[in-house]
C-alpha atoms as a PDB file:
ATOM      1  CA  MET A   1      31.403 215.375  98.612  1.00  0.00           C
ATOM      2  CA  GLY A   2      28.857 216.559 101.094  1.00  0.00           C
ATOM      3  CA  PHE A   3      25.179 216.945 100.992  1.00  0.00           C
ATOM      4  CA  THR A   4      23.884 218.813  97.874  1.00  0.00           C
ATOM      5  CA  LYS A   5      20.776 220.788  97.356  1.00  0.00           C
ATOM      6  CA  SER A   6      19.756 218.803  94.212  1.00  0.00           C
ATOM      7  CA  GLY A   7      20.707 215.369  95.909  1.00  0.00           C
ATOM      8  CA  VAL A   8      18.491 216.446  98.822  1.00  0.00           C
ATOM      9  CA  ILE A   9      15.729 217.391  96.450  1.00  0.00           C
ATOM     10  CA  ALA A  10      15.797 214.347  94.700  1.00  0.00           C
ATOM     11  CA  GLY A  11      15.832 212.386  98.040  1.00  0.00           C
ATOM     12  CA  VAL A  12      12.835 214.430  99.218  1.00  0.00           C
ATOM     13  CA  ALA A  13      11.013 213.634  95.964  1.00  0.00           C
ATOM     14  CA  LEU A  14      11.517 210.106  96.413  1.00  0.00           C
ATOM     15  CA  VAL A  15      10.425 210.180 100.148  1.00  0.00           C
ATOM     16  CA  ALA A  16       7.206 211.940  98.999  1.00  0.00           C
ATOM     17  CA  THR A  17       6.697 209.135  96.351  1.00  0.00           C
ATOM     18  CA  LEU A  18       7.220 206.387  98.885  1.00  0.00           C
ATOM     19  CA  ALA A  19       5.214 208.052 101.722  1.00  0.00           C
ATOM     20  CA  THR A  20       2.118 205.780 101.129  1.00  0.00           C
ATOM     21  CA  ALA A  21       4.318 202.621 101.067  1.00  0.00           C
ATOM     22  CA  ALA A  22       6.412 203.228 104.084  1.00  0.00           C
ATOM     23  CA  PRO A  23       6.794 205.358 107.163  1.00  0.00           C
ATOM     24  CA  ALA A  24       8.399 208.854 106.964  1.00  0.00           C
ATOM     25  CA  VAL A  25      12.170 209.028 106.870  1.00  0.00           C
ATOM     26  CA  ALA A  26      13.782 208.690 110.191  1.00  0.00           C
ATOM     27  CA  GLY A  27      17.447 208.430 111.538  1.00  0.00           C
ATOM     28  CA  ILE A  28      19.790 208.139 108.717  1.00  0.00           C
ATOM     29  CA  TYR A  29      19.801 210.054 105.368  1.00  0.00           C
ATOM     30  CA  ILE A  30      22.815 209.992 102.874  1.00  0.00           C
ATOM     31  CA  SER A  31      22.853 211.873  99.773  1.00  0.00           C
ATOM     32  CA  ARG A  32      25.513 212.328  97.247  1.00  0.00           C
ATOM     33  CA  GLU A  33      24.511 214.184  93.935  1.00  0.00           C
ATOM     34  CA  ASP A  34      27.036 212.148  91.942  1.00  0.00           C
ATOM     35  CA  ARG A  35      26.483 208.610  93.560  1.00  0.00           C
ATOM     36  CA  GLY A  36      22.957 208.256  94.945  1.00  0.00           C
ATOM     37  CA  VAL A  37      20.870 208.369  98.019  1.00  0.00           C
ATOM     38  CA  ALA A  38      20.421 205.746 101.001  1.00  0.00           C
ATOM     39  CA  TYR A  39      18.060 206.361 103.989  1.00  0.00           C
ATOM     40  CA  VAL A  40      16.185 204.744 106.678  1.00  0.00           C
ATOM     41  CA  ALA A  41      12.319 204.786 106.563  1.00  0.00           C
ATOM     42  CA  GLY A  42      10.401 204.044 109.813  1.00  0.00           C
ATOM     43  CA  ASN A  43      11.902 203.606 113.193  1.00  0.00           C
ATOM     44  CA  LYS A  44      10.868 200.660 115.172  1.00  0.00           C
ATOM     45  CA  ASN A  45       9.889 198.884 112.155  1.00  0.00           C
ATOM     46  CA  ALA A  46      12.272 200.048 109.696  1.00  0.00           C
ATOM     47  CA  TYR A  47      12.977 199.913 105.949  1.00  0.00           C
ATOM     48  CA  ALA A  48      16.381 200.538 104.135  1.00  0.00           C
ATOM     49  CA  ALA A  49      15.869 202.476 100.787  1.00  0.00           C
ATOM     50  CA  THR A  50      18.249 203.542  97.835  1.00  0.00           C
ATOM     51  CA  PHE A  51      17.604 205.947  95.060  1.00  0.00           C
ATOM     52  CA  ASP A  52      20.126 206.313  91.946  1.00  0.00           C
ATOM     53  CA  ASN A  53      20.197 209.918  91.157  1.00  0.00           C
ATOM     54  CA  SER A  54      23.463 210.078  89.202  1.00  0.00           C
ATOM     55  CA  CYS A  55      22.134 208.263  86.120  1.00  0.00           C
ATOM     56  CA  ASP A  56      25.784 207.217  85.330  1.00  0.00           C
ATOM     57  CA  GLY A  57      25.100 203.504  84.706  1.00  0.00           C
ATOM     58  CA  GLN A  58      26.584 202.437  88.172  1.00  0.00           C
ATOM     59  CA  ASP A  59      24.486 200.362  90.516  1.00  0.00           C
ATOM     60  CA  VAL A  60      24.114 201.819  94.080  1.00  0.00           C
ATOM     61  CA  ALA A  61      23.418 199.946  97.350  1.00  0.00           C
ATOM     62  CA  ALA A  62      22.854 200.572 100.974  1.00  0.00           C
ATOM     63  CA  GLN A  63      24.939 198.725 103.474  1.00  0.00           C
ATOM     64  CA  TYR A  64      23.390 198.437 106.827  1.00  0.00           C
ATOM     65  CA  TYR A  65      23.005 196.761 110.315  1.00  0.00           C
ATOM     66  CA  ARG A  66      19.728 196.064 112.072  1.00  0.00           C
ATOM     67  CA  ASP A  67      19.123 195.839 115.876  1.00  0.00           C
ATOM     68  CA  ALA A  68      17.878 192.348 115.785  1.00  0.00           C
ATOM     69  CA  SER A  69      21.044 190.971 114.149  1.00  0.00           C
ATOM     70  CA  PRO A  70      23.802 193.724 115.027  1.00  0.00           C
ATOM     71  CA  THR A  71      26.710 191.590 113.617  1.00  0.00           C
ATOM     72  CA  THR A  72      25.133 191.034 110.264  1.00  0.00           C
ATOM     73  CA  ARG A  73      25.817 193.432 107.387  1.00  0.00           C
ATOM     74  CA  ARG A  74      22.958 193.628 104.982  1.00  0.00           C
ATOM     75  CA  THR A  75      23.200 195.025 101.404  1.00  0.00           C
ATOM     76  CA  LEU A  76      20.193 196.382  99.505  1.00  0.00           C
ATOM     77  CA  TRP A  77      21.140 196.818  95.758  1.00  0.00           C
ATOM     78  CA  ASN A  78      19.373 199.216  93.485  1.00  0.00           C
ATOM     79  CA  LYS A  79      19.849 197.997  89.909  1.00  0.00           C
ATOM     80  CA  THR A  80      16.958 199.772  88.418  1.00  0.00           C
ATOM     81  CA  GLY A  81      19.069 202.478  86.784  1.00  0.00           C
ATOM     82  CA  CYS A  82      18.630 206.185  86.501  1.00  0.00           C
ATOM     83  CA  ASN A  83      16.133 207.627  88.949  1.00  0.00           C
ATOM     84  CA  GLY A  84      15.152 204.159  90.117  1.00  0.00           C
ATOM     85  CA  SER A  85      14.542 203.143  93.739  1.00  0.00           C
ATOM     86  CA  ASN A  86      14.489 199.980  95.939  1.00  0.00           C
ATOM     87  CA  MET A  87      13.142 199.316  99.314  1.00  0.00           C
ATOM     88  CA  SER A  88      13.900 196.446 101.669  1.00  0.00           C
ATOM     89  CA  GLY A  89      11.362 194.529 103.635  1.00  0.00           C
ATOM     90  CA  GLU A  90      10.321 195.736 107.106  1.00  0.00           C
ATOM     91  CA  GLY A  91      12.483 194.814 109.934  1.00  0.00           C
ATOM     92  CA  SER A  92      14.064 195.920 113.120  1.00  0.00           C
ATOM     93  CA  TRP A  93      15.609 199.449 113.807  1.00  0.00           C
ATOM     94  CA  ILE A  94      18.545 200.308 111.460  1.00  0.00           C
ATOM     95  CA  PHE A  95      21.315 201.736 113.481  1.00  0.00           C
ATOM     96  CA  GLN A  96      24.238 201.993 110.902  1.00  0.00           C
ATOM     97  CA  MET A  97      24.250 202.655 107.127  1.00  0.00           C
ATOM     98  CA  ARG A  98      26.534 203.701 104.292  1.00  0.00           C
ATOM     99  CA  LEU A  99      26.029 204.310 100.567  1.00  0.00           C
ATOM    100  CA  GLN A 100      27.974 202.130  98.074  1.00  0.00           C
ATOM    101  CA  GLU A 101      28.302 202.690  94.313  1.00  0.00           C
ATOM    102  CA  GLN A 102      29.553 199.852  92.196  1.00  0.00           C
ATOM    103  CA  PHE A 103      32.417 200.308  89.634  1.00  0.00           C
ATOM    104  CA  VAL A 104      32.644 197.019  87.748  1.00  0.00           C
ATOM    105  CA  ALA A 105      36.020 197.979  86.168  1.00  0.00           C
ATOM    106  CA  GLY A 106      37.364 199.709  89.208  1.00  0.00           C
ATOM    107  CA  THR A 107      37.151 200.272  92.893  1.00  0.00           C
ATOM    108  CA  ASP A 108      33.655 200.787  94.378  1.00  0.00           C
ATOM    109  CA  TYR A 109      32.810 204.064  96.199  1.00  0.00           C
ATOM    110  CA  TYR A 110      31.831 203.856  99.872  1.00  0.00           C
ATOM    111  CA  SER A 111      30.536 206.773 101.992  1.00  0.00           C
ATOM    112  CA  ALA A 112      31.436 207.030 105.663  1.00  0.00           C
ATOM    113  CA  TRP A 113      29.293 205.032 108.031  1.00  0.00           C
ATOM    114  CA  TYR A 114      26.350 206.936 109.397  1.00  0.00           C
ATOM    115  CA  TYR A 115      24.776 206.142 112.783  1.00  0.00           C
ATOM    116  CA  ASP A 116      21.439 206.450 114.528  1.00  0.00           C
ATOM    117  CA  TYR A 117      21.526 205.902 118.277  1.00  0.00           C
ATOM    118  CA  LYS A 118      18.456 204.982 120.191  1.00  0.00           C
END
Protein backbone atom coordinates (compact mmCIF):
# COMPACT_ATOMS: atom_id res chain seq x y z
CA MET A 1 0.00 0.00 0.00
CA GLY A 2 1.89 3.03 -1.24
CA PHE A 3 0.96 6.51 -2.23
CA THR A 4 -1.85 6.51 -4.76
CA LYS A 5 -2.91 9.10 -7.30
CA SER A 6 -6.48 9.35 -6.01
CA GLY A 7 -5.32 9.49 -2.39
CA VAL A 8 -2.92 12.29 -3.20
CA ILE A 9 -5.62 14.16 -5.14
CA ALA A 10 -8.00 13.86 -2.19
CA GLY A 11 -5.27 15.13 0.14
CA VAL A 12 -4.44 18.04 -2.15
CA ALA A 13 -8.12 18.97 -2.32
CA LEU A 14 -8.26 18.97 1.47
CA VAL A 15 -5.13 21.11 1.70
CA ALA A 16 -6.69 23.61 -0.70
CA THR A 17 -9.83 23.69 1.44
CA LEU A 18 -7.88 24.28 4.66
CA ALA A 19 -5.45 26.77 3.15
CA THR A 20 -7.20 29.76 4.71
CA ALA A 21 -7.37 28.10 8.15
CA ALA A 22 -3.78 26.86 8.41
CA PRO A 23 -0.34 27.15 6.86
CA ALA A 24 0.63 25.03 3.85
CA VAL A 25 1.52 21.37 4.19
CA ALA A 26 5.09 20.91 5.39
CA GLY A 27 7.10 17.93 6.44
CA ILE A 28 5.05 14.74 6.73
CA TYR A 29 2.27 13.64 4.36
CA ILE A 30 0.82 10.10 4.52
CA SER A 31 -1.88 8.99 2.08
CA ARG A 32 -3.45 5.57 1.74
CA GLU A 33 -6.37 5.39 -0.72
CA ASP A 34 -8.15 2.67 1.23
CA ARG A 35 -7.38 4.15 4.67
CA GLY A 36 -7.16 7.93 4.92
CA VAL A 37 -4.73 10.84 4.97
CA ALA A 38 -2.62 12.27 7.80
CA TYR A 39 -0.32 15.25 7.39
CA VAL A 40 1.42 18.17 9.07
CA ALA A 41 0.37 21.72 8.22
CA GLY A 42 2.78 24.48 9.10
CA ASN A 43 6.31 24.15 10.36
CA LYS A 44 7.43 25.95 13.52
CA ASN A 45 3.79 26.41 14.58
CA ALA A 46 2.38 23.11 13.35
CA TYR A 47 -1.02 21.45 13.14
CA ALA A 48 -1.75 17.73 12.74
CA ALA A 49 -4.59 16.93 10.34
CA THR A 50 -6.57 13.89 9.20
CA PHE A 51 -8.88 13.23 6.28
CA ASP A 52 -11.09 10.13 5.78
CA ASN A 53 -11.04 9.28 2.09
CA SER A 54 -12.00 5.61 2.32
CA CYS A 55 -15.72 6.00 3.20
CA ASP A 56 -15.73 2.55 4.81
CA GLY A 57 -17.22 3.47 8.19
CA GLN A 58 -13.88 3.14 10.03
CA ASP A 59 -12.52 6.08 12.02
CA VAL A 60 -9.02 7.34 11.19
CA ALA A 61 -6.42 9.06 13.34
CA ALA A 62 -2.98 10.60 13.21
CA GLN A 63 -0.57 9.58 15.94
CA TYR A 64 2.27 12.05 16.32
CA TYR A 65 5.02 13.55 18.46
CA ARG A 66 5.77 17.25 18.97
CA ASP A 67 9.13 18.91 19.62
CA ALA A 68 7.94 20.54 22.88
CA SER A 69 7.03 17.13 24.40
CA PRO A 70 9.05 14.54 22.45
CA THR A 71 8.08 11.55 24.61
CA THR A 72 4.32 12.18 24.56
CA ARG A 73 2.45 10.36 21.79
CA ARG A 74 -0.61 12.35 20.74
CA THR A 75 -3.59 11.05 18.80
CA LEU A 76 -5.91 13.16 16.64
CA TRP A 77 -9.11 11.25 15.84
CA ASN A 78 -11.30 11.96 12.84
CA LYS A 79 -14.74 10.54 13.51
CA THR A 80 -16.58 12.77 11.02
CA GLY A 81 -16.96 9.99 8.45
CA CYS A 82 -16.69 9.89 4.68
CA ASN A 83 -14.65 12.82 3.30
CA GLY A 84 -14.51 14.41 6.75
CA SER A 85 -11.46 16.13 8.19
CA ASN A 86 -10.10 17.18 11.56
CA MET A 87 -7.23 19.45 12.60
CA SER A 88 -5.41 19.79 15.92
CA GLY A 89 -4.69 23.03 17.64
CA GLU A 90 -1.50 24.89 16.88
CA GLY A 91 1.61 23.61 18.61
CA SER A 92 5.31 23.00 18.28
CA TRP A 93 6.98 21.30 15.32
CA ILE A 94 5.75 17.74 14.60
CA PHE A 95 8.68 15.44 13.89
CA GLN A 96 7.06 11.99 13.78
CA MET A 97 3.63 10.79 12.54
CA ARG A 98 1.73 7.71 11.44
CA LEU A 99 -1.78 7.00 10.17
CA GLN A 100 -4.18 4.76 12.11
CA GLU A 101 -7.48 3.24 10.99
CA GLN A 102 -9.67 1.80 13.75
CA PHE A 103 -11.37 -1.57 13.34
CA VAL A 104 -13.80 -2.08 16.24
CA ALA A 105 -14.10 -5.85 15.72
CA GLY A 106 -10.52 -6.45 14.60
CA THR A 107 -6.92 -5.32 14.63
CA ASP A 108 -6.34 -1.64 13.88
CA TYR A 109 -4.22 -0.67 10.85
CA TYR A 110 -1.09 1.43 11.41
CA SER A 111 1.14 2.88 8.69
CA ALA A 112 4.87 3.03 9.19
CA TRP A 113 6.19 5.98 11.19
CA TYR A 114 7.23 8.94 9.03
CA TYR A 115 9.81 11.49 10.18
CA ASP A 116 10.59 15.14 9.51
CA TYR A 117 14.06 16.20 10.61
CA LYS A 118 14.99 19.79 11.36
